[in-house]
């Protein structure tokens, strides 16, 4: 749920009037703006970041390092008919089968 900048500024100013008491501030805000939404997450974001705007998620979508590229090429070379899904799903699963265990 995204608030407009005007809503966020109103919420922060009311919160200041209520001495940072979020419960009281939400009641005052609800009285002044009866059709508006609550704002506890806005308060938390403002305290943590000092900003009322939303964070942009600038995370890299892929991890293409040389090691990862080499791993993918070797895996595909081993079994070229295996699907992409099988490669990704089974990559981190352990394969404990009796025939895979070495007998001493």
PDB file of N, CA and C in Angstrom:
ATOM      1  N   UNK A   1       0.853  -1.161   0.000  1.00  0.00           N
ATOM      2  CA  UNK A   1       0.000   0.000   0.000  1.00  0.00           C
ATOM      3  C   UNK A   1       0.904   1.229   0.000  1.00  0.00           C
ATOM      4  N   UNK A   2       0.862   2.004  -1.068  1.00  0.00           N
ATOM      5  CA  UNK A   2       1.686   3.196  -1.192  1.00  0.00           C
ATOM      6  C   UNK A   2       0.867   4.434  -0.868  1.00  0.00           C
ATOM      7  N   UNK A   3       1.462   5.314  -0.090  1.00  0.00           N
ATOM      8  CA  UNK A   3       0.831   6.581   0.251  1.00  0.00           C
ATOM      9  C   UNK A   3       1.364   7.664  -0.674  1.00  0.00           C
ATOM     10  N   UNK A   4       0.561   8.686  -0.921  1.00  0.00           N
ATOM     11  CA  UNK A   4       1.063   9.836  -1.669  1.00  0.00           C
ATOM     12  C   UNK A   4       1.974  10.645  -0.746  1.00  0.00           C
ATOM     13  N   UNK A   5       2.791  11.500  -1.333  1.00  0.00           N
ATOM     14  CA  UNK A   5       3.698  12.310  -0.507  1.00  0.00           C
ATOM     15  C   UNK A   5       2.916  13.231   0.424  1.00  0.00           C
ATOM     16  N   UNK A   6       1.782  13.733  -0.040  1.00  0.00           N
ATOM     17  CA  UNK A   6       0.963  14.608   0.801  1.00  0.00           C
ATOM     18  C   UNK A   6       0.442  13.852   2.028  1.00  0.00           C
ATOM     19  N   UNK A   7      -0.004  12.603   1.805  1.00  0.00           N
ATOM     20  CA  UNK A   7      -0.476  11.793   2.931  1.00  0.00           C
ATOM     21  C   UNK A   7       0.652  11.547   3.931  1.00  0.00           C
ATOM     22  N   UNK A   8       1.836  11.234   3.410  1.00  0.00           N
ATOM     23  CA  UNK A   8       2.964  10.947   4.296  1.00  0.00           C
ATOM     24  C   UNK A   8       3.368  12.174   5.105  1.00  0.00           C
ATOM     25  N   UNK A   9       3.359  13.340   4.481  1.00  0.00           N
ATOM     26  CA  UNK A   9       3.712  14.570   5.195  1.00  0.00           C
ATOM     27  C   UNK A   9       2.677  14.864   6.274  1.00  0.00           C
ATOM     28  N   UNK A  10       1.392  14.677   5.952  1.00  0.00           N
ATOM     29  CA  UNK A  10       0.337  14.869   6.955  1.00  0.00           C
ATOM     30  C   UNK A  10       0.529  13.925   8.136  1.00  0.00           C
ATOM     31  N   UNK A  11       0.850  12.680   7.849  1.00  0.00           N
ATOM     32  CA  UNK A  11       1.039  11.691   8.913  1.00  0.00           C
ATOM     33  C   UNK A  11       2.206  12.055   9.817  1.00  0.00           C
ATOM     34  N   UNK A  12       3.318  12.450   9.212  1.00  0.00           N
ATOM     35  CA  UNK A  12       4.504  12.800  10.000  1.00  0.00           C
ATOM     36  C   UNK A  12       4.241  14.048  10.838  1.00  0.00           C
ATOM     37  N   UNK A  13       3.537  15.035  10.275  1.00  0.00           N
ATOM     38  CA  UNK A  13       3.266  16.251  11.053  1.00  0.00           C
ATOM     39  C   UNK A  13       2.328  15.948  12.231  1.00  0.00           C
ATOM     40  N   UNK A  14       1.328  15.109  12.023  1.00  0.00           N
ATOM     41  CA  UNK A  14       0.433  14.729  13.122  1.00  0.00           C
ATOM     42  C   UNK A  14       1.190  13.920  14.161  1.00  0.00           C
ATOM     43  N   UNK A  15       2.096  13.086  13.716  1.00  0.00           N
ATOM     44  CA  UNK A  15       2.909  12.302  14.647  1.00  0.00           C
ATOM     45  C   UNK A  15       3.752  13.225  15.525  1.00  0.00           C
ATOM     46  N   UNK A  16       4.273  14.294  14.948  1.00  0.00           N
ATOM     47  CA  UNK A  16       5.021  15.276  15.735  1.00  0.00           C
ATOM     48  C   UNK A  16       4.134  15.982  16.744  1.00  0.00           C
ATOM     49  N   UNK A  17       2.915  16.317  16.333  1.00  0.00           N
ATOM     50  CA  UNK A  17       1.970  16.960  17.248  1.00  0.00           C
ATOM     51  C   UNK A  17       1.639  16.054  18.436  1.00  0.00           C
ATOM     52  N   UNK A  18       1.653  14.756  18.206  1.00  0.00           N
ATOM     53  CA  UNK A  18       1.284  13.785  19.250  1.00  0.00           C
ATOM     54  C   UNK A  18       2.503  13.241  19.979  1.00  0.00           C
ATOM     55  N   UNK A  19       3.621  13.947  19.923  1.00  0.00           N
ATOM     56  CA  UNK A  19       4.853  13.554  20.616  1.00  0.00           C
ATOM     57  C   UNK A  19       5.281  12.120  20.289  1.00  0.00           C
ATOM     58  N   UNK A  20       5.215  11.761  19.021  1.00  0.00           N
ATOM     59  CA  UNK A  20       5.658  10.458  18.496  1.00  0.00           C
ATOM     60  C   UNK A  20       4.892   9.280  19.085  1.00  0.00           C
ATOM     61  N   UNK A  21       3.700   9.524  19.562  1.00  0.00           N
ATOM     62  CA  UNK A  21       2.833   8.452  20.049  1.00  0.00           C
ATOM     63  C   UNK A  21       2.009   7.980  18.848  1.00  0.00           C
ATOM     64  N   UNK A  22       2.400   6.846  18.274  1.00  0.00           N
ATOM     65  CA  UNK A  22       1.774   6.413  17.023  1.00  0.00           C
ATOM     66  C   UNK A  22       0.308   6.024  17.198  1.00  0.00           C
ATOM     67  N   UNK A  23      -0.050   5.488  18.350  1.00  0.00           N
ATOM     68  CA  UNK A  23      -1.446   5.122  18.582  1.00  0.00           C
ATOM     69  C   UNK A  23      -2.330   6.371  18.623  1.00  0.00           C
ATOM     70  N   UNK A  24      -1.894   7.375  19.381  1.00  0.00           N
ATOM     71  CA  UNK A  24      -2.642   8.634  19.447  1.00  0.00           C
ATOM     72  C   UNK A  24      -2.655   9.319  18.083  1.00  0.00           C
ATOM     73  N   UNK A  25      -1.507   9.306  17.407  1.00  0.00           N
ATOM     74  CA  UNK A  25      -1.416   9.954  16.097  1.00  0.00           C
ATOM     75  C   UNK A  25      -2.347   9.293  15.087  1.00  0.00           C
ATOM     76  N   UNK A  26      -2.450   7.969  15.125  1.00  0.00           N
ATOM     77  CA  UNK A  26      -3.351   7.300  14.183  1.00  0.00           C
ATOM     78  C   UNK A  26      -4.810   7.658  14.475  1.00  0.00           C
ATOM     79  N   UNK A  27      -5.144   7.843  15.756  1.00  0.00           N
ATOM     80  CA  UNK A  27      -6.511   8.258  16.105  1.00  0.00           C
ATOM     81  C   UNK A  27      -6.788   9.681  15.619  1.00  0.00           C
ATOM     82  N   UNK A  28      -5.837  10.589  15.866  1.00  0.00           N
ATOM     83  CA  UNK A  28      -6.003  11.984  15.429  1.00  0.00           C
ATOM     84  C   UNK A  28      -6.099  12.041  13.909  1.00  0.00           C
ATOM     85  N   UNK A  29      -5.239  11.272  13.244  1.00  0.00           N
ATOM     86  CA  UNK A  29      -5.248  11.247  11.778  1.00  0.00           C
ATOM     87  C   UNK A  29      -6.586  10.714  11.260  1.00  0.00           C
ATOM     88  N   UNK A  30      -7.106   9.678  11.912  1.00  0.00           N
ATOM     89  CA  UNK A  30      -8.393   9.108  11.496  1.00  0.00           C
ATOM     90  C   UNK A  30      -9.531  10.104  11.703  1.00  0.00           C
ATOM     91  N   UNK A  31      -9.434  10.939  12.754  1.00  0.00           N
ATOM     92  CA  UNK A  31     -10.464  11.959  12.981  1.00  0.00           C
ATOM     93  C   UNK A  31     -10.402  13.046  11.919  1.00  0.00           C
ATOM     94  N   UNK A  32      -9.187  13.472  11.582  1.00  0.00           N
ATOM     95  CA  UNK A  32      -9.037  14.550  10.596  1.00  0.00           C
ATOM     96  C   UNK A  32      -9.305  14.068   9.176  1.00  0.00           C
ATOM     97  N   UNK A  33      -8.894  12.853   8.890  1.00  0.00           N
ATOM     98  CA  UNK A  33      -9.050  12.290   7.546  1.00  0.00           C
ATOM     99  C   UNK A  33      -9.772  10.945   7.676  1.00  0.00           C
ATOM    100  N   UNK A  34     -11.107  10.959   7.741  1.00  0.00           N
ATOM    101  CA  UNK A  34     -11.855   9.732   8.042  1.00  0.00           C
ATOM    102  C   UNK A  34     -11.702   8.619   6.995  1.00  0.00           C
ATOM    103  N   UNK A  35     -11.390   8.944   5.770  1.00  0.00           N
ATOM    104  CA  UNK A  35     -11.271   7.921   4.724  1.00  0.00           C
ATOM    105  C   UNK A  35      -9.826   7.496   4.479  1.00  0.00           C
ATOM    106  N   UNK A  36      -8.924   7.905   5.341  1.00  0.00           N
ATOM    107  CA  UNK A  36      -7.505   7.620   5.120  1.00  0.00           C
ATOM    108  C   UNK A  36      -7.088   6.305   5.769  1.00  0.00           C
ATOM    109  N   UNK A  37      -5.851   5.897   5.471  1.00  0.00           N
ATOM    110  CA  UNK A  37      -5.318   4.620   5.962  1.00  0.00           C
ATOM    111  C   UNK A  37      -4.377   4.845   7.145  1.00  0.00           C
ATOM    112  N   UNK A  38      -4.046   3.781   7.849  1.00  0.00           N
ATOM    113  CA  UNK A  38      -3.130   3.859   8.993  1.00  0.00           C
ATOM    114  C   UNK A  38      -1.692   3.990   8.513  1.00  0.00           C
ATOM    115  N   UNK A  39      -0.784   4.318   9.454  1.00  0.00           N
ATOM    116  CA  UNK A  39       0.558   4.662   8.990  1.00  0.00           C
ATOM    117  C   UNK A  39       1.694   4.193   9.882  1.00  0.00           C
ATOM    118  N   UNK A  40       1.555   3.101  10.572  1.00  0.00           N
ATOM    119  CA  UNK A  40       2.619   2.625  11.453  1.00  0.00           C
ATOM    120  C   UNK A  40       3.890   2.285  10.672  1.00  0.00           C
ATOM    121  N   UNK A  41       3.747   1.665   9.493  1.00  0.00           N
ATOM    122  CA  UNK A  41       4.927   1.328   8.688  1.00  0.00           C
ATOM    123  C   UNK A  41       5.651   2.588   8.218  1.00  0.00           C
ATOM    124  N   UNK A  42       4.885   3.640   7.952  1.00  0.00           N
ATOM    125  CA  UNK A  42       5.502   4.905   7.559  1.00  0.00           C
ATOM    126  C   UNK A  42       6.369   5.447   8.683  1.00  0.00           C
ATOM    127  N   UNK A  43       5.883   5.371   9.910  1.00  0.00           N
ATOM    128  CA  UNK A  43       6.656   5.827  11.061  1.00  0.00           C
ATOM    129  C   UNK A  43       7.950   5.027  11.182  1.00  0.00           C
ATOM    130  N   UNK A  44       7.853   3.719  11.061  1.00  0.00           N
ATOM    131  CA  UNK A  44       9.046   2.877  11.165  1.00  0.00           C
ATOM    132  C   UNK A  44      10.045   3.232  10.070  1.00  0.00           C
ATOM    133  N   UNK A  45       9.579   3.397   8.833  1.00  0.00           N
ATOM    134  CA  UNK A  45      10.463   3.757   7.718  1.00  0.00           C
ATOM    135  C   UNK A  45      11.102   5.124   7.964  1.00  0.00           C
ATOM    136  N   UNK A  46      10.327   6.076   8.478  1.00  0.00           N
ATOM    137  CA  UNK A  46      10.857   7.415   8.728  1.00  0.00           C
ATOM    138  C   UNK A  46      11.920   7.391   9.820  1.00  0.00           C
ATOM    139  N   UNK A  47      11.707   6.612  10.878  1.00  0.00           N
ATOM    140  CA  UNK A  47      12.691   6.518  11.958  1.00  0.00           C
ATOM    141  C   UNK A  47      13.959   5.831  11.473  1.00  0.00           C
ATOM    142  N   UNK A  48      13.816   4.754  10.696  1.00  0.00           N
ATOM    143  CA  UNK A  48      14.979   3.993  10.239  1.00  0.00           C
ATOM    144  C   UNK A  48      15.798   4.739   9.201  1.00  0.00           C
ATOM    145  N   UNK A  49      15.135   5.404   8.258  1.00  0.00           N
ATOM    146  CA  UNK A  49      15.859   6.009   7.135  1.00  0.00           C
ATOM    147  C   UNK A  49      15.915   7.527   7.185  1.00  0.00           C
ATOM    148  N   UNK A  50      15.018   8.151   7.958  1.00  0.00           N
ATOM    149  CA  UNK A  50      14.952   9.606   7.958  1.00  0.00           C
ATOM    150  C   UNK A  50      14.292  10.139   6.699  1.00  0.00           C
ATOM    151  N   UNK A  51      13.624   9.264   5.978  1.00  0.00           N
ATOM    152  CA  UNK A  51      13.017   9.630   4.713  1.00  0.00           C
ATOM    153  C   UNK A  51      11.625   9.011   4.652  1.00  0.00           C
ATOM    154  N   UNK A  52      10.693   9.685   3.975  1.00  0.00           N
ATOM    155  CA  UNK A  52       9.348   9.138   3.885  1.00  0.00           C
ATOM    156  C   UNK A  52       9.107   8.412   2.572  1.00  0.00           C
ATOM    157  N   UNK A  53      10.037   8.516   1.637  1.00  0.00           N
ATOM    158  CA  UNK A  53       9.836   7.855   0.350  1.00  0.00           C
ATOM    159  C   UNK A  53      10.172   6.377   0.451  1.00  0.00           C
ATOM    160  N   UNK A  54       9.688   5.616  -0.492  1.00  0.00           N
ATOM    161  CA  UNK A  54       9.882   4.176  -0.497  1.00  0.00           C
ATOM    162  C   UNK A  54      11.266   3.830  -1.031  1.00  0.00           C
ATOM    163  N   UNK A  55      11.811   2.726  -0.534  1.00  0.00           N
ATOM    164  CA  UNK A  55      13.105   2.250  -1.018  1.00  0.00           C
ATOM    165  C   UNK A  55      12.929   1.616  -2.387  1.00  0.00           C
ATOM    166  N   UNK A  56      13.908   1.845  -3.231  1.00  0.00           N
ATOM    167  CA  UNK A  56      13.932   1.145  -4.505  1.00  0.00           C
ATOM    168  C   UNK A  56      14.764  -0.108  -4.311  1.00  0.00           C
ATOM    169  N   UNK A  57      14.295  -1.194  -4.840  1.00  0.00           N
ATOM    170  CA  UNK A  57      15.006  -2.457  -4.700  1.00  0.00           C
ATOM    171  C   UNK A  57      15.965  -2.612  -5.876  1.00  0.00           C
ATOM    172  N   UNK A  58      17.198  -2.194  -5.672  1.00  0.00           N
ATOM    173  CA  UNK A  58      18.209  -2.280  -6.715  1.00  0.00           C
ATOM    174  C   UNK A  58      19.107  -3.480  -6.475  1.00  0.00           C
ATOM    175  N   UNK A  59      18.516  -4.646  -6.506  1.00  0.00           N
ATOM    176  CA  UNK A  59      19.284  -5.863  -6.295  1.00  0.00           C
ATOM    177  C   UNK A  59      19.676  -6.434  -7.655  1.00  0.00           C
ATOM    178  N   UNK A  60      20.865  -6.971  -7.745  1.00  0.00           N
ATOM    179  CA  UNK A  60      21.215  -7.626  -9.007  1.00  0.00           C
ATOM    180  C   UNK A  60      20.360  -8.873  -9.199  1.00  0.00           C
ATOM    181  N   UNK A  61      19.915  -9.077 -10.418  1.00  0.00           N
ATOM    182  CA  UNK A  61      19.028 -10.199 -10.674  1.00  0.00           C
ATOM    183  C   UNK A  61      19.786 -11.480 -10.986  1.00  0.00           C
ATOM    184  N   UNK A  62      21.029 -11.357 -11.359  1.00  0.00           N
ATOM    185  CA  UNK A  62      21.812 -12.549 -11.658  1.00  0.00           C
ATOM    186  C   UNK A  62      23.168 -12.445 -10.981  1.00  0.00           C
ATOM    187  N   UNK A  63      23.759 -13.582 -10.779  1.00  0.00           N
ATOM    188  CA  UNK A  63      25.099 -13.637 -10.197  1.00  0.00           C
ATOM    189  C   UNK A  63      26.001 -14.337 -11.206  1.00  0.00           C
ATOM    190  N   UNK A  64      26.432 -13.599 -12.213  1.00  0.00           N
ATOM    191  CA  UNK A  64      27.243 -14.204 -13.265  1.00  0.00           C
ATOM    192  C   UNK A  64      28.719 -13.964 -12.991  1.00  0.00           C
ATOM    193  N   UNK A  65      29.260 -14.789 -12.141  1.00  0.00           N
ATOM    194  CA  UNK A  65      30.695 -14.757 -11.893  1.00  0.00           C
ATOM    195  C   UNK A  65      31.333 -15.837 -12.754  1.00  0.00           C
ATOM    196  N   UNK A  66      32.640 -15.820 -12.829  1.00  0.00           N
ATOM    197  CA  UNK A  66      33.328 -16.836 -13.627  1.00  0.00           C
ATOM    198  C   UNK A  66      33.051 -18.230 -13.092  1.00  0.00           C
ATOM    199  N   UNK A  67      33.021 -18.359 -11.764  1.00  0.00           N
ATOM    200  CA  UNK A  67      32.758 -19.667 -11.162  1.00  0.00           C
ATOM    201  C   UNK A  67      31.366 -20.171 -11.531  1.00  0.00           C
ATOM    202  N   UNK A  68      30.378 -19.285 -11.483  1.00  0.00           N
ATOM    203  CA  UNK A  68      29.012 -19.685 -11.829  1.00  0.00           C
ATOM    204  C   UNK A  68      28.899 -20.053 -13.307  1.00  0.00           C
ATOM    205  N   UNK A  69      29.544 -19.284 -14.162  1.00  0.00           N
ATOM    206  CA  UNK A  69      29.507 -19.586 -15.590  1.00  0.00           C
ATOM    207  C   UNK A  69      30.138 -20.943 -15.868  1.00  0.00           C
ATOM    208  N   UNK A  70      31.279 -21.192 -15.248  1.00  0.00           N
ATOM    209  CA  UNK A  70      31.969 -22.464 -15.436  1.00  0.00           C
ATOM    210  C   UNK A  70      31.123 -23.620 -14.911  1.00  0.00           C
ATOM    211  N   UNK A  71      30.498 -23.420 -13.762  1.00  0.00           N
ATOM    212  CA  UNK A  71      29.645 -24.457 -13.179  1.00  0.00           C
ATOM    213  C   UNK A  71      28.485 -24.798 -14.104  1.00  0.00           C
ATOM    214  N   UNK A  72      27.859 -23.789 -14.676  1.00  0.00           N
ATOM    215  CA  UNK A  72      26.734 -24.019 -15.584  1.00  0.00           C
ATOM    216  C   UNK A  72      27.206 -24.750 -16.836  1.00  0.00           C
ATOM    217  N   UNK A  73      28.321 -24.320 -17.400  1.00  0.00           N
ATOM    218  CA  UNK A  73      28.826 -24.977 -18.614  1.00  0.00           C
ATOM    219  C   UNK A  73      29.170 -26.442 -18.362  1.00  0.00           C
ATOM    220  N   UNK A  74      29.791 -26.725 -17.218  1.00  0.00           N
ATOM    221  CA  UNK A  74      30.141 -28.109 -16.903  1.00  0.00           C
ATOM    222  C   UNK A  74      28.894 -28.964 -16.674  1.00  0.00           C
ATOM    223  N   UNK A  75      27.904 -28.392 -16.009  1.00  0.00           N
ATOM    224  CA  UNK A  75      26.672 -29.130 -15.738  1.00  0.00           C
ATOM    225  C   UNK A  75      25.938 -29.452 -17.032  1.00  0.00           C
ATOM    226  N   UNK A  76      25.876 -28.496 -17.940  1.00  0.00           N
ATOM    227  CA  UNK A  76      25.202 -28.717 -19.222  1.00  0.00           C
ATOM    228  C   UNK A  76      25.986 -29.716 -20.064  1.00  0.00           C
ATOM    229  N   UNK A  77      27.296 -29.662 -19.990  1.00  0.00           N
ATOM    230  CA  UNK A  77      28.126 -30.604 -20.739  1.00  0.00           C
ATOM    231  C   UNK A  77      27.912 -32.030 -20.243  1.00  0.00           C
ATOM    232  N   UNK A  78      27.746 -32.186 -18.927  1.00  0.00           N
ATOM    233  CA  UNK A  78      27.525 -33.517 -18.355  1.00  0.00           C
ATOM    234  C   UNK A  78      26.212 -34.132 -18.832  1.00  0.00           C
ATOM    235  N   UNK A  79      25.155 -33.341 -18.876  1.00  0.00           N
ATOM    236  CA  UNK A  79      23.841 -33.858 -19.263  1.00  0.00           C
ATOM    237  C   UNK A  79      23.115 -32.807 -20.101  1.00  0.00           C
ATOM    238  N   UNK A  80      23.355 -32.776 -21.415  1.00  0.00           N
ATOM    239  CA  UNK A  80      22.775 -31.722 -22.259  1.00  0.00           C
ATOM    240  C   UNK A  80      21.259 -31.830 -22.436  1.00  0.00           C
ATOM    241  N   UNK A  81      20.652 -32.947 -22.054  1.00  0.00           N
ATOM    242  CA  UNK A  81      19.215 -33.130 -22.250  1.00  0.00           C
ATOM    243  C   UNK A  81      18.399 -32.812 -20.998  1.00  0.00           C
ATOM    244  N   UNK A  82      19.064 -32.430 -19.950  1.00  0.00           N
ATOM    245  CA  UNK A  82      18.387 -32.088 -18.701  1.00  0.00           C
ATOM    246  C   UNK A  82      17.785 -30.681 -18.825  1.00  0.00           C
ATOM    247  N   UNK A  83      16.628 -30.466 -18.202  1.00  0.00           N
ATOM    248  CA  UNK A  83      15.960 -29.166 -18.317  1.00  0.00           C
ATOM    249  C   UNK A  83      16.593 -28.130 -17.388  1.00  0.00           C
ATOM    250  N   UNK A  84      16.354 -26.865 -17.696  1.00  0.00           N
ATOM    251  CA  UNK A  84      16.855 -25.772 -16.853  1.00  0.00           C
ATOM    252  C   UNK A  84      16.295 -25.876 -15.444  1.00  0.00           C
ATOM    253  N   UNK A  85      15.035 -26.246 -15.361  1.00  0.00           N
ATOM    254  CA  UNK A  85      14.404 -26.358 -14.048  1.00  0.00           C
ATOM    255  C   UNK A  85      15.087 -27.436 -13.210  1.00  0.00           C
ATOM    256  N   UNK A  86      15.378 -28.558 -13.818  1.00  0.00           N
ATOM    257  CA  UNK A  86      16.061 -29.625 -13.084  1.00  0.00           C
ATOM    258  C   UNK A  86      17.433 -29.177 -12.604  1.00  0.00           C
ATOM    259  N   UNK A  87      18.127 -28.420 -13.428  1.00  0.00           N
ATOM    260  CA  UNK A  87      19.438 -27.918 -13.008  1.00  0.00           C
ATOM    261  C   UNK A  87      19.306 -27.020 -11.786  1.00  0.00           C
ATOM    262  N   UNK A  88      18.340 -26.107 -11.823  1.00  0.00           N
ATOM    263  CA  UNK A  88      18.227 -25.146 -10.722  1.00  0.00           C
ATOM    264  C   UNK A  88      17.637 -25.771  -9.467  1.00  0.00           C
ATOM    265  N   UNK A  89      16.661 -26.655  -9.607  1.00  0.00           N
ATOM    266  CA  UNK A  89      16.021 -27.252  -8.439  1.00  0.00           C
ATOM    267  C   UNK A  89      16.943 -28.235  -7.752  1.00  0.00           C
ATOM    268  N   UNK A  90      17.618 -29.043  -8.496  1.00  0.00           N
ATOM    269  CA  UNK A  90      18.412 -30.120  -7.920  1.00  0.00           C
ATOM    270  C   UNK A  90      19.847 -29.727  -7.617  1.00  0.00           C
ATOM    271  N   UNK A  91      20.220 -28.532  -7.916  1.00  0.00           N
ATOM    272  CA  UNK A  91      21.607 -28.126  -7.746  1.00  0.00           C
ATOM    273  C   UNK A  91      22.067 -28.214  -6.293  1.00  0.00           C
ATOM    274  N   UNK A  92      21.209 -27.831  -5.359  1.00  0.00           N
ATOM    275  CA  UNK A  92      21.622 -27.761  -3.963  1.00  0.00           C
ATOM    276  C   UNK A  92      21.097 -28.923  -3.121  1.00  0.00           C
ATOM    277  N   UNK A  93      20.404 -29.850  -3.738  1.00  0.00           N
ATOM    278  CA  UNK A  93      19.898 -30.994  -2.988  1.00  0.00           C
ATOM    279  C   UNK A  93      20.965 -32.073  -2.918  1.00  0.00           C
ATOM    280  N   UNK A  94      21.061 -32.692  -1.772  1.00  0.00           N
ATOM    281  CA  UNK A  94      21.981 -33.815  -1.635  1.00  0.00           C
ATOM    282  C   UNK A  94      21.332 -35.052  -2.226  1.00  0.00           C
ATOM    283  N   UNK A  95      22.152 -35.877  -2.817  1.00  0.00           N
ATOM    284  CA  UNK A  95      21.648 -37.070  -3.458  1.00  0.00           C
ATOM    285  C   UNK A  95      22.161 -38.284  -2.696  1.00  0.00           C
ATOM    286  N   UNK A  96      21.448 -38.678  -1.651  1.00  0.00           N
ATOM    287  CA  UNK A  96      21.866 -39.806  -0.830  1.00  0.00           C
ATOM    288  C   UNK A  96      21.118 -41.056  -1.271  1.00  0.00           C
ATOM    289  N   UNK A  97      21.764 -41.853  -2.046  1.00  0.00           N
ATOM    290  CA  UNK A  97      21.223 -43.136  -2.464  1.00  0.00           C
ATOM    291  C   UNK A  97      22.217 -44.213  -2.071  1.00  0.00           C
ATOM    292  N   UNK A  98      21.725 -45.380  -1.763  1.00  0.00           N
ATOM    293  CA  UNK A  98      22.653 -46.443  -1.353  1.00  0.00           C
ATOM    294  C   UNK A  98      23.709 -46.752  -2.409  1.00  0.00           C
ATOM    295  N   UNK A  99      23.337 -46.675  -3.690  1.00  0.00           N
ATOM    296  CA  UNK A  99      24.320 -47.000  -4.726  1.00  0.00           C
ATOM    297  C   UNK A  99      25.395 -45.919  -4.866  1.00  0.00           C
ATOM    298  N   UNK A 100      25.114 -44.707  -4.342  1.00  0.00           N
ATOM    299  CA  UNK A 100      26.101 -43.634  -4.410  1.00  0.00           C
ATOM    300  C   UNK A 100      27.113 -43.699  -3.275  1.00  0.00           C
ATOM    301  N   UNK A 101      26.800 -44.442  -2.244  1.00  0.00           N
ATOM    302  CA  UNK A 101      27.711 -44.555  -1.110  1.00  0.00           C
ATOM    303  C   UNK A 101      28.794 -45.577  -1.426  1.00  0.00           C
ATOM    304  N   UNK A 102      29.994 -45.241  -1.084  1.00  0.00           N
ATOM    305  CA  UNK A 102      31.095 -46.173  -1.316  1.00  0.00           C
ATOM    306  C   UNK A 102      31.131 -47.185  -0.182  1.00  0.00           C
ATOM    307  N   UNK A 103      31.291 -48.437  -0.531  1.00  0.00           N
ATOM    308  CA  UNK A 103      31.402 -49.455   0.514  1.00  0.00           C
ATOM    309  C   UNK A 103      32.855 -49.576   0.938  1.00  0.00           C
ATOM    310  N   UNK A 104      33.052 -49.763   2.216  1.00  0.00           N
ATOM    311  CA  UNK A 104      34.420 -49.823   2.735  1.00  0.00           C
ATOM    312  C   UNK A 104      34.944 -51.215   2.746  1.00  0.00           C
TER     313      UNK A 104
END
